[in-house]
N, C-alpha and C. Protein backbone atom coordinates (compact mmCIF):
# COMPACT_ATOMS: atom_id res chain seq x y z
N GLN A 1 -51.22 14.87 -38.23
CA GLN A 1 -49.92 15.22 -37.69
C GLN A 1 -48.89 15.12 -38.78
N VAL A 2 -48.06 16.16 -38.87
CA VAL A 2 -47.02 16.19 -39.89
C VAL A 2 -45.87 15.31 -39.47
N GLN A 3 -45.32 14.58 -40.43
CA GLN A 3 -44.11 13.82 -40.16
C GLN A 3 -43.02 14.32 -41.09
N LEU A 4 -42.01 14.90 -40.51
CA LEU A 4 -40.86 15.40 -41.26
C LEU A 4 -39.61 14.80 -40.63
N VAL A 5 -38.80 14.17 -41.43
CA VAL A 5 -37.61 13.49 -40.92
C VAL A 5 -36.38 14.01 -41.65
N GLU A 6 -35.59 14.80 -40.95
CA GLU A 6 -34.37 15.38 -41.51
C GLU A 6 -33.16 14.50 -41.17
N SER A 7 -32.19 14.48 -42.08
CA SER A 7 -30.97 13.72 -41.86
C SER A 7 -29.84 14.32 -42.68
N GLY A 8 -28.63 13.85 -42.40
CA GLY A 8 -27.48 14.25 -43.20
C GLY A 8 -26.56 15.27 -42.57
N GLY A 9 -26.92 15.77 -41.41
CA GLY A 9 -26.05 16.74 -40.74
C GLY A 9 -24.80 16.08 -40.18
N GLY A 10 -23.94 16.91 -39.62
CA GLY A 10 -22.72 16.39 -39.03
C GLY A 10 -21.73 17.49 -38.75
N LEU A 11 -20.52 17.08 -38.42
CA LEU A 11 -19.42 18.00 -38.15
C LEU A 11 -18.51 18.05 -39.37
N VAL A 12 -18.24 19.25 -39.85
CA VAL A 12 -17.42 19.40 -41.03
C VAL A 12 -16.52 20.62 -40.87
N GLN A 13 -15.38 20.60 -41.50
CA GLN A 13 -14.49 21.75 -41.45
C GLN A 13 -14.96 22.82 -42.42
N ALA A 14 -14.60 24.05 -42.13
CA ALA A 14 -14.93 25.15 -43.02
C ALA A 14 -14.42 24.85 -44.43
N GLY A 15 -15.28 25.14 -45.41
CA GLY A 15 -14.95 24.84 -46.79
C GLY A 15 -15.50 23.50 -47.26
N GLY A 16 -15.96 22.69 -46.33
CA GLY A 16 -16.48 21.38 -46.66
C GLY A 16 -17.92 21.42 -47.16
N SER A 17 -18.45 20.23 -47.39
CA SER A 17 -19.81 20.10 -47.94
C SER A 17 -20.62 19.08 -47.16
N LEU A 18 -21.92 19.27 -47.18
CA LEU A 18 -22.87 18.31 -46.63
C LEU A 18 -24.12 18.31 -47.50
N ARG A 19 -24.80 17.19 -47.52
CA ARG A 19 -26.08 17.12 -48.22
C ARG A 19 -27.15 16.66 -47.22
N LEU A 20 -28.10 17.51 -47.00
CA LEU A 20 -29.19 17.20 -46.09
C LEU A 20 -30.37 16.63 -46.87
N SER A 21 -31.10 15.74 -46.20
CA SER A 21 -32.31 15.16 -46.78
C SER A 21 -33.47 15.32 -45.81
N CYS A 22 -34.66 15.43 -46.35
CA CYS A 22 -35.85 15.51 -45.52
C CYS A 22 -36.96 14.72 -46.18
N ALA A 23 -37.44 13.73 -45.48
CA ALA A 23 -38.55 12.91 -45.98
C ALA A 23 -39.84 13.38 -45.34
N ALA A 24 -40.87 13.48 -46.18
CA ALA A 24 -42.20 13.88 -45.70
C ALA A 24 -43.21 12.86 -46.21
N PRO A 25 -43.16 11.65 -45.69
CA PRO A 25 -43.92 10.54 -46.28
C PRO A 25 -45.42 10.64 -46.13
N GLY A 26 -45.89 11.35 -45.14
CA GLY A 26 -47.31 11.33 -44.85
C GLY A 26 -48.11 12.45 -45.47
N ARG A 27 -47.55 13.14 -46.44
CA ARG A 27 -48.19 14.33 -46.98
C ARG A 27 -48.33 14.26 -48.50
N ALA A 28 -49.27 15.03 -49.01
CA ALA A 28 -49.38 15.21 -50.46
C ALA A 28 -48.26 16.13 -50.89
N PHE A 29 -47.07 15.62 -50.83
CA PHE A 29 -45.83 16.39 -50.89
C PHE A 29 -45.73 17.22 -52.15
N SER A 30 -46.07 16.67 -53.27
CA SER A 30 -45.77 17.31 -54.55
C SER A 30 -46.48 18.64 -54.75
N GLN A 31 -47.55 18.89 -54.06
CA GLN A 31 -48.29 20.12 -54.27
C GLN A 31 -47.79 21.29 -53.44
N TYR A 32 -46.86 21.05 -52.53
CA TYR A 32 -46.43 22.08 -51.61
C TYR A 32 -45.11 22.72 -52.00
N MET A 33 -45.02 24.02 -51.72
CA MET A 33 -43.72 24.68 -51.73
C MET A 33 -43.01 24.26 -50.46
N MET A 34 -41.79 23.76 -50.58
CA MET A 34 -41.03 23.27 -49.44
C MET A 34 -39.81 24.15 -49.21
N ALA A 35 -39.25 24.04 -48.02
CA ALA A 35 -38.11 24.90 -47.70
C ALA A 35 -37.24 24.26 -46.63
N TRP A 36 -36.03 24.75 -46.56
CA TRP A 36 -35.14 24.48 -45.45
C TRP A 36 -35.06 25.73 -44.59
N TYR A 37 -35.11 25.52 -43.30
CA TYR A 37 -34.96 26.56 -42.31
C TYR A 37 -33.78 26.18 -41.42
N ARG A 38 -33.27 27.14 -40.67
CA ARG A 38 -32.22 26.80 -39.70
C ARG A 38 -32.36 27.68 -38.47
N GLN A 39 -31.85 27.16 -37.38
CA GLN A 39 -31.88 27.91 -36.13
C GLN A 39 -30.53 27.73 -35.43
N ALA A 40 -29.82 28.82 -35.30
CA ALA A 40 -28.54 28.82 -34.60
C ALA A 40 -28.79 29.10 -33.12
N PRO A 41 -27.84 28.71 -32.27
CA PRO A 41 -28.02 28.94 -30.82
C PRO A 41 -28.27 30.41 -30.51
N GLY A 42 -29.32 30.66 -29.75
CA GLY A 42 -29.63 32.02 -29.34
C GLY A 42 -30.29 32.88 -30.40
N LYS A 43 -30.59 32.29 -31.55
CA LYS A 43 -31.20 33.06 -32.64
C LYS A 43 -32.55 32.46 -33.03
N GLU A 44 -33.32 33.26 -33.73
CA GLU A 44 -34.59 32.77 -34.22
C GLU A 44 -34.40 31.90 -35.46
N ARG A 45 -35.38 31.06 -35.70
CA ARG A 45 -35.35 30.23 -36.90
C ARG A 45 -35.49 31.12 -38.13
N GLU A 46 -34.72 30.80 -39.16
CA GLU A 46 -34.77 31.60 -40.39
C GLU A 46 -34.92 30.71 -41.60
N LEU A 47 -35.54 31.28 -42.62
CA LEU A 47 -35.76 30.56 -43.87
C LEU A 47 -34.49 30.64 -44.71
N VAL A 48 -33.98 29.48 -45.11
CA VAL A 48 -32.72 29.41 -45.84
C VAL A 48 -32.95 29.39 -47.34
N ALA A 49 -33.74 28.44 -47.80
CA ALA A 49 -33.99 28.28 -49.24
C ALA A 49 -35.30 27.56 -49.42
N SER A 50 -35.97 27.84 -50.52
CA SER A 50 -37.26 27.22 -50.78
C SER A 50 -37.35 26.76 -52.23
N ILE A 51 -38.31 25.87 -52.47
CA ILE A 51 -38.48 25.31 -53.81
C ILE A 51 -39.97 25.11 -54.06
N THR A 52 -40.41 25.54 -55.23
CA THR A 52 -41.83 25.41 -55.56
C THR A 52 -42.17 23.96 -55.91
N SER A 53 -43.44 23.71 -56.05
CA SER A 53 -43.88 22.34 -56.34
C SER A 53 -43.31 21.83 -57.67
N ASN A 54 -43.04 22.73 -58.61
CA ASN A 54 -42.50 22.28 -59.90
C ASN A 54 -41.00 22.52 -60.02
N GLY A 55 -40.34 22.83 -58.92
CA GLY A 55 -38.89 22.82 -58.92
C GLY A 55 -38.18 24.15 -59.06
N ASN A 56 -38.89 25.26 -59.08
CA ASN A 56 -38.21 26.55 -59.10
C ASN A 56 -37.66 26.85 -57.71
N THR A 57 -36.40 27.29 -57.68
CA THR A 57 -35.74 27.45 -56.39
C THR A 57 -35.53 28.91 -56.04
N ILE A 58 -35.49 29.16 -54.76
CA ILE A 58 -35.25 30.50 -54.23
C ILE A 58 -34.23 30.37 -53.10
N ALA A 59 -33.15 31.12 -53.20
CA ALA A 59 -32.20 31.21 -52.10
C ALA A 59 -32.62 32.40 -51.27
N ASN A 60 -33.27 32.12 -50.18
CA ASN A 60 -33.88 33.20 -49.40
C ASN A 60 -32.88 34.00 -48.57
N LEU A 61 -31.78 33.38 -48.25
CA LEU A 61 -30.75 34.06 -47.48
C LEU A 61 -29.62 34.47 -48.42
N ASP A 62 -29.27 35.75 -48.39
CA ASP A 62 -28.18 36.22 -49.22
C ASP A 62 -26.88 35.49 -48.91
N SER A 63 -26.70 35.13 -47.64
CA SER A 63 -25.44 34.53 -47.22
C SER A 63 -25.22 33.13 -47.79
N VAL A 64 -26.27 32.49 -48.32
CA VAL A 64 -26.09 31.13 -48.84
C VAL A 64 -26.13 31.09 -50.37
N LYS A 65 -26.41 32.21 -50.98
CA LYS A 65 -26.48 32.24 -52.45
C LYS A 65 -25.15 31.83 -53.06
N GLY A 66 -25.23 30.93 -54.03
CA GLY A 66 -24.03 30.43 -54.67
C GLY A 66 -23.36 29.29 -53.93
N ARG A 67 -23.82 29.00 -52.72
CA ARG A 67 -23.22 27.92 -51.92
C ARG A 67 -24.20 26.78 -51.64
N PHE A 68 -25.45 27.11 -51.40
CA PHE A 68 -26.47 26.10 -51.07
C PHE A 68 -27.43 25.93 -52.25
N THR A 69 -27.82 24.68 -52.47
CA THR A 69 -28.78 24.38 -53.53
C THR A 69 -29.87 23.47 -52.99
N ILE A 70 -31.10 23.90 -53.13
CA ILE A 70 -32.24 23.08 -52.71
C ILE A 70 -32.79 22.34 -53.91
N SER A 71 -33.24 21.11 -53.67
CA SER A 71 -33.84 20.32 -54.74
C SER A 71 -34.88 19.40 -54.12
N ARG A 72 -35.64 18.75 -54.96
CA ARG A 72 -36.68 17.86 -54.45
C ARG A 72 -36.90 16.69 -55.39
N ASP A 73 -37.42 15.60 -54.82
CA ASP A 73 -37.83 14.43 -55.58
C ASP A 73 -39.24 14.12 -55.14
N ASN A 74 -40.22 14.52 -55.95
CA ASN A 74 -41.61 14.36 -55.55
C ASN A 74 -42.01 12.89 -55.43
N ALA A 75 -41.43 12.03 -56.25
CA ALA A 75 -41.76 10.61 -56.16
C ALA A 75 -41.32 10.02 -54.83
N LYS A 76 -40.22 10.52 -54.31
CA LYS A 76 -39.71 10.03 -53.02
C LYS A 76 -40.20 10.88 -51.85
N LYS A 77 -40.95 11.94 -52.15
CA LYS A 77 -41.42 12.85 -51.11
C LYS A 77 -40.27 13.32 -50.24
N THR A 78 -39.22 13.76 -50.90
CA THR A 78 -38.00 14.15 -50.22
C THR A 78 -37.49 15.47 -50.78
N VAL A 79 -37.00 16.32 -49.90
CA VAL A 79 -36.36 17.56 -50.30
C VAL A 79 -34.91 17.53 -49.79
N TYR A 80 -34.02 18.09 -50.57
CA TYR A 80 -32.58 18.04 -50.27
C TYR A 80 -32.01 19.46 -50.15
N LEU A 81 -30.90 19.55 -49.45
CA LEU A 81 -30.14 20.79 -49.40
C LEU A 81 -28.66 20.44 -49.55
N GLN A 82 -28.10 20.77 -50.70
CA GLN A 82 -26.67 20.60 -50.91
C GLN A 82 -25.97 21.84 -50.43
N MET A 83 -25.07 21.68 -49.49
CA MET A 83 -24.37 22.82 -48.88
C MET A 83 -22.89 22.69 -49.18
N ASN A 84 -22.36 23.64 -49.90
CA ASN A 84 -20.94 23.68 -50.24
C ASN A 84 -20.28 24.90 -49.62
N SER A 85 -18.97 24.87 -49.57
CA SER A 85 -18.19 25.99 -49.04
C SER A 85 -18.74 26.43 -47.68
N LEU A 86 -18.95 25.48 -46.82
CA LEU A 86 -19.56 25.77 -45.52
C LEU A 86 -18.67 26.68 -44.68
N LYS A 87 -19.34 27.53 -43.89
CA LYS A 87 -18.67 28.47 -43.02
C LYS A 87 -19.11 28.23 -41.58
N PRO A 88 -18.29 28.65 -40.61
CA PRO A 88 -18.70 28.47 -39.21
C PRO A 88 -20.06 29.09 -38.90
N GLU A 89 -20.40 30.17 -39.57
CA GLU A 89 -21.68 30.82 -39.31
C GLU A 89 -22.88 30.05 -39.86
N ASP A 90 -22.61 28.97 -40.59
CA ASP A 90 -23.69 28.09 -41.03
C ASP A 90 -24.08 27.08 -39.95
N THR A 91 -23.34 27.05 -38.86
CA THR A 91 -23.64 26.13 -37.77
C THR A 91 -25.04 26.40 -37.21
N ALA A 92 -25.87 25.37 -37.21
CA ALA A 92 -27.26 25.51 -36.78
C ALA A 92 -27.93 24.14 -36.84
N ILE A 93 -29.13 24.09 -36.31
CA ILE A 93 -29.99 22.94 -36.56
C ILE A 93 -30.82 23.27 -37.79
N TYR A 94 -30.83 22.37 -38.74
CA TYR A 94 -31.54 22.58 -39.99
C TYR A 94 -32.83 21.76 -40.00
N TYR A 95 -33.89 22.43 -40.42
CA TYR A 95 -35.22 21.82 -40.48
C TYR A 95 -35.81 22.01 -41.87
N CYS A 96 -36.65 21.07 -42.26
CA CYS A 96 -37.44 21.31 -43.46
C CYS A 96 -38.90 21.49 -43.05
N ASN A 97 -39.63 22.18 -43.90
CA ASN A 97 -41.05 22.38 -43.66
C ASN A 97 -41.65 22.97 -44.93
N ARG A 98 -42.92 23.15 -44.89
CA ARG A 98 -43.61 23.77 -46.01
C ARG A 98 -43.44 25.29 -45.92
N VAL A 99 -43.79 25.99 -47.02
CA VAL A 99 -43.93 27.44 -47.00
C VAL A 99 -45.38 27.76 -47.35
N PRO A 100 -46.16 28.40 -46.49
CA PRO A 100 -45.86 28.67 -45.09
C PRO A 100 -45.81 27.40 -44.27
N ASN A 101 -45.09 27.47 -43.15
CA ASN A 101 -44.79 26.24 -42.44
C ASN A 101 -46.00 25.65 -41.72
N TRP A 102 -45.97 24.29 -41.67
CA TRP A 102 -46.90 23.61 -40.78
C TRP A 102 -46.50 23.93 -39.34
N SER A 103 -47.43 23.75 -38.44
CA SER A 103 -47.13 24.03 -37.05
C SER A 103 -46.20 22.97 -36.44
N ASP A 104 -46.26 21.76 -36.97
CA ASP A 104 -45.40 20.69 -36.47
C ASP A 104 -44.05 20.73 -37.19
N TRP A 105 -42.99 20.53 -36.43
CA TRP A 105 -41.64 20.47 -36.98
C TRP A 105 -41.01 19.12 -36.69
N GLY A 106 -40.08 18.71 -37.53
CA GLY A 106 -39.30 17.52 -37.26
C GLY A 106 -38.25 17.81 -36.20
N GLN A 107 -37.40 16.82 -35.99
CA GLN A 107 -36.36 16.97 -34.95
C GLN A 107 -35.18 17.79 -35.45
N GLY A 108 -35.10 17.99 -36.75
CA GLY A 108 -33.99 18.73 -37.33
C GLY A 108 -32.73 17.88 -37.41
N THR A 109 -31.73 18.44 -38.06
CA THR A 109 -30.43 17.78 -38.14
C THR A 109 -29.35 18.82 -37.86
N GLN A 110 -28.43 18.48 -36.98
CA GLN A 110 -27.41 19.42 -36.53
C GLN A 110 -26.28 19.52 -37.56
N VAL A 111 -25.94 20.73 -37.91
CA VAL A 111 -24.79 21.00 -38.76
C VAL A 111 -23.82 21.85 -37.96
N THR A 112 -22.60 21.36 -37.83
CA THR A 112 -21.57 22.09 -37.11
C THR A 112 -20.37 22.26 -38.03
N VAL A 113 -19.98 23.51 -38.22
CA VAL A 113 -18.85 23.82 -39.10
C VAL A 113 -17.73 24.39 -38.24
N SER A 114 -16.62 23.71 -38.24
CA SER A 114 -15.47 24.16 -37.45
C SER A 114 -14.55 25.03 -38.30
N SER A 115 -13.91 25.95 -37.64
CA SER A 115 -13.00 26.88 -38.36
C SER A 115 -11.59 26.34 -38.43
């Protein structure tokens, strides 16, 4: 069973920043490509950004390029998402998972951006 624990979400005004963290303690973390996904109300889950096992990053969503940065610490089995210049349309529950994703998901962390 996969254990993914996301944290760091919250309520922030437009233009603000948040840093999300995701711990994956029970996995051979370093060998996997990891990613952040998000799901807004009434919408399907989408892939936001991903990072290879050796740290190469991909901003999968055009709307977050230049604003969001994904990173990882393999020793801590943790992946991060630094989100700057947040917009109301970034409001969603954010999840981390592998690429391709495991079938099990964590509880996610809620990000709410007010205008």
